[in-house]
């Protein structure tokens, strides 16, 4: 249905190079990767903390 193929990814890469330049592109990629990694870790921490919250106060309705 919706996906990025090789031609679309090439267009995105060329536009990124034109906008940010070749020197800034690696640092932007690193920052984006760290942000995604932090988001995933936050989701994992949130789901692992949920059962502890349920056990802490039995009066809380689900």
PDB file of N, CA and C in Angstrom:
ATOM      1  N   UNK A   1       0.830  -1.183   0.000  1.00  0.00           N
ATOM      2  CA  UNK A   1       0.000   0.000   0.000  1.00  0.00           C
ATOM      3  C   UNK A   1       0.879   1.253   0.000  1.00  0.00           C
ATOM      4  N   UNK A   2       1.554   1.513   1.100  1.00  0.00           N
ATOM      5  CA  UNK A   2       2.438   2.676   1.159  1.00  0.00           C
ATOM      6  C   UNK A   2       3.818   2.199   1.566  1.00  0.00           C
ATOM      7  N   UNK A   3       4.796   2.537   0.796  1.00  0.00           N
ATOM      8  CA  UNK A   3       6.152   2.133   1.124  1.00  0.00           C
ATOM      9  C   UNK A   3       7.142   2.998   0.376  1.00  0.00           C
ATOM     10  N   UNK A   4       8.340   2.998   0.870  1.00  0.00           N
ATOM     11  CA  UNK A   4       9.394   3.745   0.208  1.00  0.00           C
ATOM     12  C   UNK A   4      10.269   2.772  -0.569  1.00  0.00           C
ATOM     13  N   UNK A   5      10.309   2.950  -1.845  1.00  0.00           N
ATOM     14  CA  UNK A   5      11.157   2.142  -2.693  1.00  0.00           C
ATOM     15  C   UNK A   5      12.497   2.828  -2.888  1.00  0.00           C
ATOM     16  N   UNK A   6      13.328   2.241  -3.701  1.00  0.00           N
ATOM     17  CA  UNK A   6      14.654   2.787  -3.964  1.00  0.00           C
ATOM     18  C   UNK A   6      14.600   4.186  -4.590  1.00  0.00           C
ATOM     19  N   UNK A   7      13.744   4.437  -5.586  1.00  0.00           N
ATOM     20  CA  UNK A   7      13.720   5.797  -6.163  1.00  0.00           C
ATOM     21  C   UNK A   7      13.309   6.871  -5.144  1.00  0.00           C
ATOM     22  N   UNK A   8      12.339   6.558  -4.305  1.00  0.00           N
ATOM     23  CA  UNK A   8      11.893   7.540  -3.315  1.00  0.00           C
ATOM     24  C   UNK A   8      12.988   7.824  -2.285  1.00  0.00           C
ATOM     25  N   UNK A   9      13.683   6.756  -1.871  1.00  0.00           N
ATOM     26  CA  UNK A   9      14.751   6.939  -0.883  1.00  0.00           C
ATOM     27  C   UNK A   9      15.910   7.741  -1.469  1.00  0.00           C
ATOM     28  N   UNK A  10      16.183   7.562  -2.764  1.00  0.00           N
ATOM     29  CA  UNK A  10      17.234   8.349  -3.418  1.00  0.00           C
ATOM     30  C   UNK A  10      16.857   9.825  -3.463  1.00  0.00           C
ATOM     31  N   UNK A  11      15.598  10.122  -3.744  1.00  0.00           N
ATOM     32  CA  UNK A  11      15.140  11.515  -3.770  1.00  0.00           C
ATOM     33  C   UNK A  11      15.273  12.135  -2.382  1.00  0.00           C
ATOM     34  N   UNK A  12      14.892  11.401  -1.343  1.00  0.00           N
ATOM     35  CA  UNK A  12      15.015  11.903   0.032  1.00  0.00           C
ATOM     36  C   UNK A  12      16.480  12.161   0.365  1.00  0.00           C
ATOM     37  N   UNK A  13      17.375  11.262  -0.018  1.00  0.00           N
ATOM     38  CA  UNK A  13      18.805  11.438   0.243  1.00  0.00           C
ATOM     39  C   UNK A  13      19.358  12.667  -0.476  1.00  0.00           C
ATOM     40  N   UNK A  14      18.983  12.858  -1.724  1.00  0.00           N
ATOM     41  CA  UNK A  14      19.466  14.014  -2.493  1.00  0.00           C
ATOM     42  C   UNK A  14      18.954  15.311  -1.883  1.00  0.00           C
ATOM     43  N   UNK A  15      17.684  15.349  -1.502  1.00  0.00           N
ATOM     44  CA  UNK A  15      17.128  16.552  -0.878  1.00  0.00           C
ATOM     45  C   UNK A  15      17.831  16.819   0.454  1.00  0.00           C
ATOM     46  N   UNK A  16      18.083  15.766   1.229  1.00  0.00           N
ATOM     47  CA  UNK A  16      18.798  15.924   2.495  1.00  0.00           C
ATOM     48  C   UNK A  16      20.198  16.472   2.293  1.00  0.00           C
ATOM     49  N   UNK A  17      20.876  15.986   1.271  1.00  0.00           N
ATOM     50  CA  UNK A  17      22.214  16.504   0.975  1.00  0.00           C
ATOM     51  C   UNK A  17      22.169  17.969   0.558  1.00  0.00           C
ATOM     52  N   UNK A  18      21.168  18.334  -0.223  1.00  0.00           N
ATOM     53  CA  UNK A  18      21.063  19.727  -0.661  1.00  0.00           C
ATOM     54  C   UNK A  18      20.718  20.666   0.488  1.00  0.00           C
ATOM     55  N   UNK A  19      19.857  20.220   1.387  1.00  0.00           N
ATOM     56  CA  UNK A  19      19.411  21.081   2.483  1.00  0.00           C
ATOM     57  C   UNK A  19      20.466  21.188   3.573  1.00  0.00           C
ATOM     58  N   UNK A  20      21.017  20.050   4.020  1.00  0.00           N
ATOM     59  CA  UNK A  20      21.906  20.060   5.176  1.00  0.00           C
ATOM     60  C   UNK A  20      23.387  20.033   4.812  1.00  0.00           C
ATOM     61  N   UNK A  21      23.725  19.568   3.650  1.00  0.00           N
ATOM     62  CA  UNK A  21      25.119  19.482   3.247  1.00  0.00           C
ATOM     63  C   UNK A  21      25.746  18.175   3.715  1.00  0.00           C
ATOM     64  N   UNK A  22      26.809  17.779   3.042  1.00  0.00           N
ATOM     65  CA  UNK A  22      27.423  16.488   3.351  1.00  0.00           C
ATOM     66  C   UNK A  22      28.101  16.436   4.724  1.00  0.00           C
ATOM     67  N   UNK A  23      28.491  17.544   5.281  1.00  0.00           N
ATOM     68  CA  UNK A  23      29.181  17.520   6.572  1.00  0.00           C
ATOM     69  C   UNK A  23      28.212  17.356   7.743  1.00  0.00           C
ATOM     70  N   UNK A  24      26.995  17.825   7.621  1.00  0.00           N
ATOM     71  CA  UNK A  24      26.017  17.739   8.712  1.00  0.00           C
ATOM     72  C   UNK A  24      25.183  16.457   8.675  1.00  0.00           C
ATOM     73  N   UNK A  25      25.116  15.799   7.531  1.00  0.00           N
ATOM     74  CA  UNK A  25      24.253  14.630   7.374  1.00  0.00           C
ATOM     75  C   UNK A  25      24.600  13.479   8.323  1.00  0.00           C
ATOM     76  N   UNK A  26      25.870  13.114   8.531  1.00  0.00           N
ATOM     77  CA  UNK A  26      26.171  12.032   9.483  1.00  0.00           C
ATOM     78  C   UNK A  26      25.771  12.360  10.920  1.00  0.00           C
ATOM     79  N   UNK A  27      25.959  13.594  11.339  1.00  0.00           N
ATOM     80  CA  UNK A  27      25.579  13.956  12.707  1.00  0.00           C
ATOM     81  C   UNK A  27      24.061  13.956  12.877  1.00  0.00           C
ATOM     82  N   UNK A  28      23.332  14.338  11.829  1.00  0.00           N
ATOM     83  CA  UNK A  28      21.875  14.270  11.893  1.00  0.00           C
ATOM     84  C   UNK A  28      21.392  12.821  11.975  1.00  0.00           C
ATOM     85  N   UNK A  29      22.027  11.938  11.225  1.00  0.00           N
ATOM     86  CA  UNK A  29      21.676  10.521  11.277  1.00  0.00           C
ATOM     87  C   UNK A  29      21.949   9.927  12.649  1.00  0.00           C
ATOM     88  N   UNK A  30      23.073  10.302  13.245  1.00  0.00           N
ATOM     89  CA  UNK A  30      23.412   9.811  14.581  1.00  0.00           C
ATOM     90  C   UNK A  30      22.402  10.318  15.606  1.00  0.00           C
ATOM     91  N   UNK A  31      22.039  11.574  15.531  1.00  0.00           N
ATOM     92  CA  UNK A  31      21.068  12.142  16.462  1.00  0.00           C
ATOM     93  C   UNK A  31      19.703  11.474  16.316  1.00  0.00           C
ATOM     94  N   UNK A  32      19.300  11.215  15.088  1.00  0.00           N
ATOM     95  CA  UNK A  32      18.026  10.549  14.845  1.00  0.00           C
ATOM     96  C   UNK A  32      18.037   9.126  15.397  1.00  0.00           C
ATOM     97  N   UNK A  33      19.140   8.408  15.199  1.00  0.00           N
ATOM     98  CA  UNK A  33      19.271   7.055  15.733  1.00  0.00           C
ATOM     99  C   UNK A  33      19.215   7.025  17.250  1.00  0.00           C
ATOM    100  N   UNK A  34      19.892   7.972  17.900  1.00  0.00           N
ATOM    101  CA  UNK A  34      19.858   8.045  19.359  1.00  0.00           C
ATOM    102  C   UNK A  34      18.460   8.387  19.864  1.00  0.00           C
ATOM    103  N   UNK A  35      17.760   9.245  19.156  1.00  0.00           N
ATOM    104  CA  UNK A  35      16.398   9.602  19.563  1.00  0.00           C
ATOM    105  C   UNK A  35      15.458   8.404  19.452  1.00  0.00           C
ATOM    106  N   UNK A  36      15.575   7.648  18.382  1.00  0.00           N
ATOM    107  CA  UNK A  36      14.733   6.457  18.208  1.00  0.00           C
ATOM    108  C   UNK A  36      15.062   5.423  19.275  1.00  0.00           C
ATOM    109  N   UNK A  37      16.362   5.228  19.549  1.00  0.00           N
ATOM    110  CA  UNK A  37      16.779   4.282  20.577  1.00  0.00           C
ATOM    111  C   UNK A  37      16.240   4.689  21.944  1.00  0.00           C
ATOM    112  N   UNK A  38      16.308   5.973  22.263  1.00  0.00           N
ATOM    113  CA  UNK A  38      15.774   6.465  23.533  1.00  0.00           C
ATOM    114  C   UNK A  38      14.267   6.304  23.625  1.00  0.00           C
ATOM    115  N   UNK A  39      13.584   6.515  22.522  1.00  0.00           N
ATOM    116  CA  UNK A  39      12.128   6.347  22.500  1.00  0.00           C
ATOM    117  C   UNK A  39      11.747   4.894  22.758  1.00  0.00           C
ATOM    118  N   UNK A  40      12.459   3.957  22.101  1.00  0.00           N
ATOM    119  CA  UNK A  40      12.177   2.535  22.310  1.00  0.00           C
ATOM    120  C   UNK A  40      12.469   2.133  23.757  1.00  0.00           C
ATOM    121  N   UNK A  41      13.559   2.642  24.309  1.00  0.00           N
ATOM    122  CA  UNK A  41      13.897   2.326  25.700  1.00  0.00           C
ATOM    123  C   UNK A  41      12.839   2.884  26.644  1.00  0.00           C
ATOM    124  N   UNK A  42      12.346   4.054  26.356  1.00  0.00           N
ATOM    125  CA  UNK A  42      11.284   4.641  27.167  1.00  0.00           C
ATOM    126  C   UNK A  42      10.004   3.831  27.114  1.00  0.00           C
ATOM    127  N   UNK A  43       9.682   3.308  25.954  1.00  0.00           N
ATOM    128  CA  UNK A  43       8.499   2.455  25.833  1.00  0.00           C
ATOM    129  C   UNK A  43       8.675   1.163  26.626  1.00  0.00           C
ATOM    130  N   UNK A  44       9.862   0.566  26.569  1.00  0.00           N
ATOM    131  CA  UNK A  44      10.131  -0.660  27.312  1.00  0.00           C
ATOM    132  C   UNK A  44      10.064  -0.403  28.817  1.00  0.00           C
ATOM    133  N   UNK A  45      10.623   0.706  29.272  1.00  0.00           N
ATOM    134  CA  UNK A  45      10.592   1.045  30.695  1.00  0.00           C
ATOM    135  C   UNK A  45       9.166   1.292  31.163  1.00  0.00           C
ATOM    136  N   UNK A  46       8.362   1.912  30.317  1.00  0.00           N
ATOM    137  CA  UNK A  46       6.980   2.217  30.685  1.00  0.00           C
ATOM    138  C   UNK A  46       6.158   0.944  30.830  1.00  0.00           C
ATOM    139  N   UNK A  47       6.326   0.001  29.923  1.00  0.00           N
ATOM    140  CA  UNK A  47       5.545  -1.232  29.995  1.00  0.00           C
ATOM    141  C   UNK A  47       6.028  -2.131  31.125  1.00  0.00           C
ATOM    142  N   UNK A  48       7.312  -2.083  31.479  1.00  0.00           N
ATOM    143  CA  UNK A  48       7.803  -2.912  32.576  1.00  0.00           C
ATOM    144  C   UNK A  48       7.404  -2.329  33.924  1.00  0.00           C
ATOM    145  N   UNK A  49       7.165  -1.031  34.011  1.00  0.00           N
ATOM    146  CA  UNK A  49       6.779  -0.402  35.269  1.00  0.00           C
ATOM    147  C   UNK A  49       5.284  -0.538  35.530  1.00  0.00           C
ATOM    148  N   UNK A  50       4.491  -0.792  34.518  1.00  0.00           N
ATOM    149  CA  UNK A  50       3.043  -0.859  34.675  1.00  0.00           C
ATOM    150  C   UNK A  50       2.587  -1.935  35.655  1.00  0.00           C
ATOM    151  N   UNK A  51       3.072  -3.189  35.620  1.00  0.00           N
ATOM    152  CA  UNK A  51       2.613  -4.189  36.594  1.00  0.00           C
ATOM    153  C   UNK A  51       2.957  -3.810  38.030  1.00  0.00           C
ATOM    154  N   UNK A  52       4.072  -3.127  38.244  1.00  0.00           N
ATOM    155  CA  UNK A  52       4.439  -2.691  39.587  1.00  0.00           C
ATOM    156  C   UNK A  52       3.438  -1.672  40.110  1.00  0.00           C
ATOM    157  N   UNK A  53       2.960  -0.813  39.255  1.00  0.00           N
ATOM    158  CA  UNK A  53       1.983   0.185  39.682  1.00  0.00           C
ATOM    159  C   UNK A  53       0.660  -0.476  40.061  1.00  0.00           C
ATOM    160  N   UNK A  54       0.270  -1.504  39.323  1.00  0.00           N
ATOM    161  CA  UNK A  54      -0.974  -2.194  39.622  1.00  0.00           C
ATOM    162  C   UNK A  54      -0.912  -2.902  40.965  1.00  0.00           C
ATOM    163  N   UNK A  55       0.248  -3.441  41.329  1.00  0.00           N
ATOM    164  CA  UNK A  55       0.412  -4.160  42.594  1.00  0.00           C
ATOM    165  C   UNK A  55       0.535  -3.205  43.779  1.00  0.00           C
ATOM    166  N   UNK A  56       0.960  -1.980  43.517  1.00  0.00           N
ATOM    167  CA  UNK A  56       1.231  -1.038  44.597  1.00  0.00           C
ATOM    168  C   UNK A  56      -0.058  -0.638  45.325  1.00  0.00           C
ATOM    169  N   UNK A  57      -1.115  -0.394  44.620  1.00  0.00           N
ATOM    170  CA  UNK A  57      -2.360   0.054  45.235  1.00  0.00           C
ATOM    171  C   UNK A  57      -3.526  -0.743  44.670  1.00  0.00           C
ATOM    172  N   UNK A  58      -4.030  -1.721  45.419  1.00  0.00           N
ATOM    173  CA  UNK A  58      -5.103  -2.561  44.887  1.00  0.00           C
ATOM    174  C   UNK A  58      -6.424  -1.818  44.708  1.00  0.00           C
ATOM    175  N   UNK A  59      -6.570  -0.597  45.250  1.00  0.00           N
ATOM    176  CA  UNK A  59      -7.805   0.163  45.125  1.00  0.00           C
ATOM    177  C   UNK A  59      -7.968   0.778  43.739  1.00  0.00           C
ATOM    178  N   UNK A  60      -6.873   0.917  43.002  1.00  0.00           N
ATOM    179  CA  UNK A  60      -6.908   1.554  41.687  1.00  0.00           C
ATOM    180  C   UNK A  60      -7.640   0.645  40.710  1.00  0.00           C
ATOM    181  N   UNK A  61      -8.656   1.193  40.062  1.00  0.00           N
ATOM    182  CA  UNK A  61      -9.420   0.448  39.060  1.00  0.00           C
ATOM    183  C   UNK A  61      -8.676   0.436  37.752  1.00  0.00           C
ATOM    184  N   UNK A  62      -8.754  -0.653  37.024  1.00  0.00           N
ATOM    185  CA  UNK A  62      -8.112  -0.726  35.708  1.00  0.00           C
ATOM    186  C   UNK A  62      -9.045  -0.228  34.636  1.00  0.00           C
TER     187      UNK A  62
END
